[in-house]
Amino acid sequence: MTTAAYHPVSYSRTTLTELMIPSYANFGGKIHGGILLSLMDKVAYACAAKHAGNYCVTVSVDGVHFLQPVEVGELVSLKASVNYVGNTSLMVGIRVFAENVKTRQVKHTNTSYFTMVAKGEGEQPTQVPGLILENREDARRFLEAIKRRELARRYQTEFSTTKSILQVEEELHLLRTERCHIAF
């Protein structure tokens, strides 16, 4: 059941798999976080653009936590799906797995959320198709995305207020237990 105005989550679900090669490694022999972020951005774009039918740009990234290191020689698979759509924006959830091809051990290394905006004529934001939630899991992810957006808005508001009223002289006592030295 796909209409021009709606696509099911499965329509744009995308998996990207790439071999981790030595040039991707840092001095410790682990894959650079920046390499993984670049791959996440790539799969988020592919998923969002397929759903939107337009060019999409990354607006924000939420929840990048490197849970386990990725090794040279492992296959990294990034599984992306549209979890939420607004008017011109989409939230793409991405789960990252690394597989050791010799041992067949698979480990979950990241889960992240990319907010993308579709661009139309003249690089202006353009409306995206709605989302058909095909099962309870799709509905749960959509609802979680709504909650994530609400929390992000509240955090931004509270942090902006805190920054604007912060009095350094009155808060210096908080630094006594931190690993810093005040040199002024």
C-alpha atoms as a PDB file:
ATOM      1  CA  MET A   1       0.000   0.000   0.000  1.00  0.00           C
ATOM      2  CA  THR A   2       2.149   2.884  -1.223  1.00  0.00           C
ATOM      3  CA  THR A   3       0.585   6.136  -2.285  1.00  0.00           C
ATOM      4  CA  ALA A   4       2.393   9.143  -3.686  1.00  0.00           C
ATOM      5  CA  ALA A   5       1.981  10.917  -0.341  1.00  0.00           C
ATOM      6  CA  TYR A   6       3.144   8.017   1.881  1.00  0.00           C
ATOM      7  CA  HIS A   7       5.838   5.325   1.831  1.00  0.00           C
ATOM      8  CA  PRO A   8       6.184   2.378   4.205  1.00  0.00           C
ATOM      9  CA  VAL A   9       9.271   2.198   6.421  1.00  0.00           C
ATOM     10  CA  SER A  10      10.442  -0.828   4.414  1.00  0.00           C
ATOM     11  CA  TYR A  11      10.472   1.217   1.180  1.00  0.00           C
ATOM     12  CA  SER A  12      13.652   3.100   2.109  1.00  0.00           C
ATOM     13  CA  ARG A  13      15.300   0.730   4.603  1.00  0.00           C
ATOM     14  CA  THR A  14      18.977   0.697   3.627  1.00  0.00           C
ATOM     15  CA  THR A  15      22.035  -1.387   4.555  1.00  0.00           C
ATOM     16  CA  LEU A  16      25.589  -0.360   3.735  1.00  0.00           C
ATOM     17  CA  THR A  17      28.429  -2.832   4.319  1.00  0.00           C
ATOM     18  CA  GLU A  18      32.093  -1.947   4.039  1.00  0.00           C
ATOM     19  CA  LEU A  19      35.390  -3.694   4.785  1.00  0.00           C
ATOM     20  CA  MET A  20      37.533  -1.857   7.334  1.00  0.00           C
ATOM     21  CA  ILE A  21      40.984  -1.414   5.772  1.00  0.00           C
ATOM     22  CA  PRO A  22      44.298  -0.372   7.387  1.00  0.00           C
ATOM     23  CA  SER A  23      44.095   3.213   6.075  1.00  0.00           C
ATOM     24  CA  TYR A  24      40.927   3.682   8.190  1.00  0.00           C
ATOM     25  CA  ALA A  25      42.808   2.909  11.432  1.00  0.00           C
ATOM     26  CA  ASN A  26      44.165   5.282  14.052  1.00  0.00           C
ATOM     27  CA  PHE A  27      47.527   4.901  15.824  1.00  0.00           C
ATOM     28  CA  GLY A  28      45.967   2.415  18.246  1.00  0.00           C
ATOM     29  CA  GLY A  29      44.946   0.122  15.394  1.00  0.00           C
ATOM     30  CA  LYS A  30      41.228   0.780  15.781  1.00  0.00           C
ATOM     31  CA  ILE A  31      38.982   2.344  13.131  1.00  0.00           C
ATOM     32  CA  HIS A  32      38.728   6.145  13.391  1.00  0.00           C
ATOM     33  CA  GLY A  33      35.415   7.382  14.746  1.00  0.00           C
ATOM     34  CA  GLY A  34      35.370   9.876  11.878  1.00  0.00           C
ATOM     35  CA  ILE A  35      35.361   7.043   9.334  1.00  0.00           C
ATOM     36  CA  LEU A  36      32.334   5.516  11.060  1.00  0.00           C
ATOM     37  CA  LEU A  37      30.589   8.905  11.236  1.00  0.00           C
ATOM     38  CA  SER A  38      31.170   9.396   7.516  1.00  0.00           C
ATOM     39  CA  LEU A  39      29.667   5.982   6.756  1.00  0.00           C
ATOM     40  CA  MET A  40      26.686   6.748   9.022  1.00  0.00           C
ATOM     41  CA  ASP A  41      26.138  10.038   7.192  1.00  0.00           C
ATOM     42  CA  LYS A  42      26.298   8.215   3.861  1.00  0.00           C
ATOM     43  CA  VAL A  43      23.720   5.580   4.820  1.00  0.00           C
ATOM     44  CA  ALA A  44      21.482   8.241   6.436  1.00  0.00           C
ATOM     45  CA  TYR A  45      21.565  10.192   3.168  1.00  0.00           C
ATOM     46  CA  ALA A  46      20.760   7.112   1.059  1.00  0.00           C
ATOM     47  CA  CYS A  47      17.827   6.162   3.286  1.00  0.00           C
ATOM     48  CA  ALA A  48      16.419   9.699   3.582  1.00  0.00           C
ATOM     49  CA  ALA A  49      16.849  10.523  -0.113  1.00  0.00           C
ATOM     50  CA  LYS A  50      15.116   7.330  -1.150  1.00  0.00           C
ATOM     51  CA  HIS A  51      12.140   8.086   1.106  1.00  0.00           C
ATOM     52  CA  ALA A  52      11.997  11.777   0.166  1.00  0.00           C
ATOM     53  CA  GLY A  53      12.700  11.366  -3.537  1.00  0.00           C
ATOM     54  CA  ASN A  54      14.944  14.423  -3.203  1.00  0.00           C
ATOM     55  CA  TYR A  55      18.400  15.507  -2.194  1.00  0.00           C
ATOM     56  CA  CYS A  56      18.702  15.566   1.621  1.00  0.00           C
ATOM     57  CA  VAL A  57      21.128  17.295   3.961  1.00  0.00           C
ATOM     58  CA  THR A  58      22.169  16.400   7.497  1.00  0.00           C
ATOM     59  CA  VAL A  59      20.836  18.859  10.073  1.00  0.00           C
ATOM     60  CA  SER A  60      21.825  17.135  13.310  1.00  0.00           C
ATOM     61  CA  VAL A  61      23.223  13.938  14.719  1.00  0.00           C
ATOM     62  CA  ASP A  62      21.972  12.590  18.022  1.00  0.00           C
ATOM     63  CA  GLY A  63      23.359   9.807  20.128  1.00  0.00           C
ATOM     64  CA  VAL A  64      26.781   8.957  18.729  1.00  0.00           C
ATOM     65  CA  HIS A  65      28.256   6.634  21.329  1.00  0.00           C
ATOM     66  CA  PHE A  66      31.052   4.286  20.353  1.00  0.00           C
ATOM     67  CA  LEU A  67      30.103   1.194  22.350  1.00  0.00           C
ATOM     68  CA  GLN A  68      32.846  -1.133  21.108  1.00  0.00           C
ATOM     69  CA  PRO A  69      35.925  -0.619  18.948  1.00  0.00           C
ATOM     70  CA  VAL A  70      35.949  -1.653  15.302  1.00  0.00           C
ATOM     71  CA  GLU A  71      39.017  -3.540  14.072  1.00  0.00           C
ATOM     72  CA  VAL A  72      40.828  -3.566  10.750  1.00  0.00           C
ATOM     73  CA  GLY A  73      39.560  -6.502   8.678  1.00  0.00           C
ATOM     74  CA  GLU A  74      36.037  -6.456  10.094  1.00  0.00           C
ATOM     75  CA  LEU A  75      32.970  -5.946   7.929  1.00  0.00           C
ATOM     76  CA  VAL A  76      30.911  -3.022   9.164  1.00  0.00           C
ATOM     77  CA  SER A  77      27.198  -3.032   8.345  1.00  0.00           C
ATOM     78  CA  LEU A  78      25.091   0.058   8.879  1.00  0.00           C
ATOM     79  CA  LYS A  79      21.333  -0.542   8.920  1.00  0.00           C
ATOM     80  CA  ALA A  80      19.209   2.575   8.437  1.00  0.00           C
ATOM     81  CA  SER A  81      15.491   3.221   8.451  1.00  0.00           C
ATOM     82  CA  VAL A  82      13.283   6.280   8.526  1.00  0.00           C
ATOM     83  CA  ASN A  83      11.905   6.409  12.071  1.00  0.00           C
ATOM     84  CA  TYR A  84      10.019   9.697  11.836  1.00  0.00           C
ATOM     85  CA  VAL A  85       8.941  12.290   9.289  1.00  0.00           C
ATOM     86  CA  GLY A  86       7.926  15.876   9.845  1.00  0.00           C
ATOM     87  CA  ASN A  87       6.964  18.290   7.103  1.00  0.00           C
ATOM     88  CA  THR A  88      10.404  18.659   5.459  1.00  0.00           C
ATOM     89  CA  SER A  89      12.536  16.624   7.869  1.00  0.00           C
ATOM     90  CA  LEU A  90      13.161  12.949   8.478  1.00  0.00           C
ATOM     91  CA  MET A  91      14.811  11.192  11.398  1.00  0.00           C
ATOM     92  CA  VAL A  92      16.879   8.209  10.312  1.00  0.00           C
ATOM     93  CA  GLY A  93      17.824   5.606  12.903  1.00  0.00           C
ATOM     94  CA  ILE A  94      21.089   3.778  12.273  1.00  0.00           C
ATOM     95  CA  ARG A  95      22.412   0.633  13.929  1.00  0.00           C
ATOM     96  CA  VAL A  96      26.046  -0.249  13.274  1.00  0.00           C
ATOM     97  CA  PHE A  97      27.454  -3.770  13.534  1.00  0.00           C
ATOM     98  CA  ALA A  98      30.989  -5.076  13.043  1.00  0.00           C
ATOM     99  CA  GLU A  99      31.589  -8.685  12.022  1.00  0.00           C
ATOM    100  CA  ASN A 100      34.818 -10.620  12.336  1.00  0.00           C
ATOM    101  CA  VAL A 101      34.689 -12.740   9.181  1.00  0.00           C
ATOM    102  CA  LYS A 102      36.997 -15.425  10.623  1.00  0.00           C
ATOM    103  CA  THR A 103      35.164 -16.026  13.899  1.00  0.00           C
ATOM    104  CA  ARG A 104      31.705 -14.890  12.660  1.00  0.00           C
ATOM    105  CA  GLN A 105      31.401 -12.848  15.870  1.00  0.00           C
ATOM    106  CA  VAL A 106      29.065  -9.857  15.380  1.00  0.00           C
ATOM    107  CA  LYS A 107      29.083  -6.918  17.768  1.00  0.00           C
ATOM    108  CA  HIS A 108      26.814  -3.887  17.986  1.00  0.00           C
ATOM    109  CA  THR A 109      29.063  -0.808  17.920  1.00  0.00           C
ATOM    110  CA  ASN A 110      26.718   2.201  17.555  1.00  0.00           C
ATOM    111  CA  THR A 111      23.169   3.392  17.402  1.00  0.00           C
ATOM    112  CA  SER A 112      22.657   6.935  16.151  1.00  0.00           C
ATOM    113  CA  TYR A 113      19.905   9.201  14.888  1.00  0.00           C
ATOM    114  CA  PHE A 114      20.388  11.595  11.981  1.00  0.00           C
ATOM    115  CA  THR A 115      17.908  14.364  11.270  1.00  0.00           C
ATOM    116  CA  MET A 116      17.822  15.151   7.571  1.00  0.00           C
ATOM    117  CA  VAL A 117      15.994  17.853   5.597  1.00  0.00           C
ATOM    118  CA  ALA A 118      14.829  17.308   2.026  1.00  0.00           C
ATOM    119  CA  LYS A 119      15.798  19.990  -0.488  1.00  0.00           C
ATOM    120  CA  GLY A 120      13.814  20.759  -3.609  1.00  0.00           C
ATOM    121  CA  GLU A 121      14.030  23.400  -6.312  1.00  0.00           C
ATOM    122  CA  GLY A 122      16.408  26.233  -5.482  1.00  0.00           C
ATOM    123  CA  GLU A 123      17.784  24.316  -2.499  1.00  0.00           C
ATOM    124  CA  GLN A 124      14.637  25.146  -0.521  1.00  0.00           C
ATOM    125  CA  PRO A 125      13.266  22.669   2.043  1.00  0.00           C
ATOM    126  CA  THR A 126      10.541  20.569   0.461  1.00  0.00           C
ATOM    127  CA  GLN A 127       7.795  18.397   1.892  1.00  0.00           C
ATOM    128  CA  VAL A 128       8.574  14.705   2.348  1.00  0.00           C
ATOM    129  CA  PRO A 129       6.120  11.831   1.963  1.00  0.00           C
ATOM    130  CA  GLY A 130       4.409  10.621   5.107  1.00  0.00           C
ATOM    131  CA  LEU A 131       5.393   7.345   6.730  1.00  0.00           C
ATOM    132  CA  ILE A 132       3.339   4.158   6.754  1.00  0.00           C
ATOM    133  CA  LEU A 133       4.015   2.348  10.034  1.00  0.00           C
ATOM    134  CA  GLU A 134       3.863  -1.331   9.112  1.00  0.00           C
ATOM    135  CA  ASN A 135       4.145  -2.878  12.582  1.00  0.00           C
ATOM    136  CA  ARG A 136       4.417  -2.149  16.308  1.00  0.00           C
ATOM    137  CA  GLU A 137       8.193  -1.713  16.049  1.00  0.00           C
ATOM    138  CA  ASP A 138       7.761   1.043  13.442  1.00  0.00           C
ATOM    139  CA  ALA A 139       5.180   2.724  15.690  1.00  0.00           C
ATOM    140  CA  ARG A 140       7.489   2.439  18.721  1.00  0.00           C
ATOM    141  CA  ARG A 141      10.363   4.053  16.804  1.00  0.00           C
ATOM    142  CA  PHE A 142       8.106   6.854  15.547  1.00  0.00           C
ATOM    143  CA  LEU A 143       6.886   7.546  19.102  1.00  0.00           C
ATOM    144  CA  GLU A 144      10.457   7.435  20.463  1.00  0.00           C
ATOM    145  CA  ALA A 145      11.473   9.971  17.818  1.00  0.00           C
ATOM    146  CA  ILE A 146       8.705  12.309  18.976  1.00  0.00           C
ATOM    147  CA  LYS A 147       9.974  11.982  22.558  1.00  0.00           C
ATOM    148  CA  ARG A 148      13.588  12.505  21.409  1.00  0.00           C
ATOM    149  CA  ARG A 149      12.552  15.735  19.627  1.00  0.00           C
ATOM    150  CA  GLU A 150      10.693  16.969  22.729  1.00  0.00           C
ATOM    151  CA  LEU A 151      13.700  16.266  24.961  1.00  0.00           C
ATOM    152  CA  ALA A 152      16.067  17.994  22.518  1.00  0.00           C
ATOM    153  CA  ARG A 153      13.860  21.112  22.462  1.00  0.00           C
ATOM    154  CA  ARG A 154      13.652  21.195  26.271  1.00  0.00           C
ATOM    155  CA  TYR A 155      17.425  20.721  26.570  1.00  0.00           C
ATOM    156  CA  GLN A 156      18.119  23.546  24.091  1.00  0.00           C
ATOM    157  CA  THR A 157      15.780  25.897  25.926  1.00  0.00           C
ATOM    158  CA  GLU A 158      17.155  25.047  29.360  1.00  0.00           C
ATOM    159  CA  PHE A 159      20.787  25.216  28.242  1.00  0.00           C
ATOM    160  CA  SER A 160      20.253  28.563  26.484  1.00  0.00           C
ATOM    161  CA  THR A 161      18.672  29.946  29.663  1.00  0.00           C
ATOM    162  CA  THR A 162      21.508  28.563  31.799  1.00  0.00           C
ATOM    163  CA  LYS A 163      24.148  30.091  29.510  1.00  0.00           C
ATOM    164  CA  SER A 164      22.486  33.488  29.566  1.00  0.00           C
ATOM    165  CA  ILE A 165      22.274  33.675  33.382  1.00  0.00           C
ATOM    166  CA  LEU A 166      25.588  31.972  34.225  1.00  0.00           C
ATOM    167  CA  GLN A 167      27.665  34.125  36.565  1.00  0.00           C
ATOM    168  CA  VAL A 168      31.220  32.778  36.475  1.00  0.00           C
ATOM    169  CA  GLU A 169      32.295  34.352  39.774  1.00  0.00           C
ATOM    170  CA  GLU A 170      29.320  32.815  41.578  1.00  0.00           C
ATOM    171  CA  GLU A 171      29.939  29.345  40.108  1.00  0.00           C
ATOM    172  CA  LEU A 172      33.728  29.050  40.559  1.00  0.00           C
ATOM    173  CA  HIS A 173      33.187  26.934  43.689  1.00  0.00           C
ATOM    174  CA  LEU A 174      31.982  24.129  41.376  1.00  0.00           C
ATOM    175  CA  LEU A 175      35.496  23.861  39.949  1.00  0.00           C
ATOM    176  CA  ARG A 176      37.117  22.933  43.291  1.00  0.00           C
ATOM    177  CA  THR A 177      36.405  19.229  42.785  1.00  0.00           C
ATOM    178  CA  GLU A 178      37.264  19.199  39.089  1.00  0.00           C
ATOM    179  CA  ARG A 179      40.611  18.475  37.441  1.00  0.00           C
ATOM    180  CA  CYS A 180      41.423  22.047  36.537  1.00  0.00           C
ATOM    181  CA  HIS A 181      43.523  24.867  37.942  1.00  0.00           C
ATOM    182  CA  ILE A 182      42.242  28.431  37.947  1.00  0.00           C
ATOM    183  CA  ALA A 183      45.042  30.695  36.763  1.00  0.00           C
ATOM    184  CA  PHE A 184      43.307  34.074  36.959  1.00  0.00           C
END
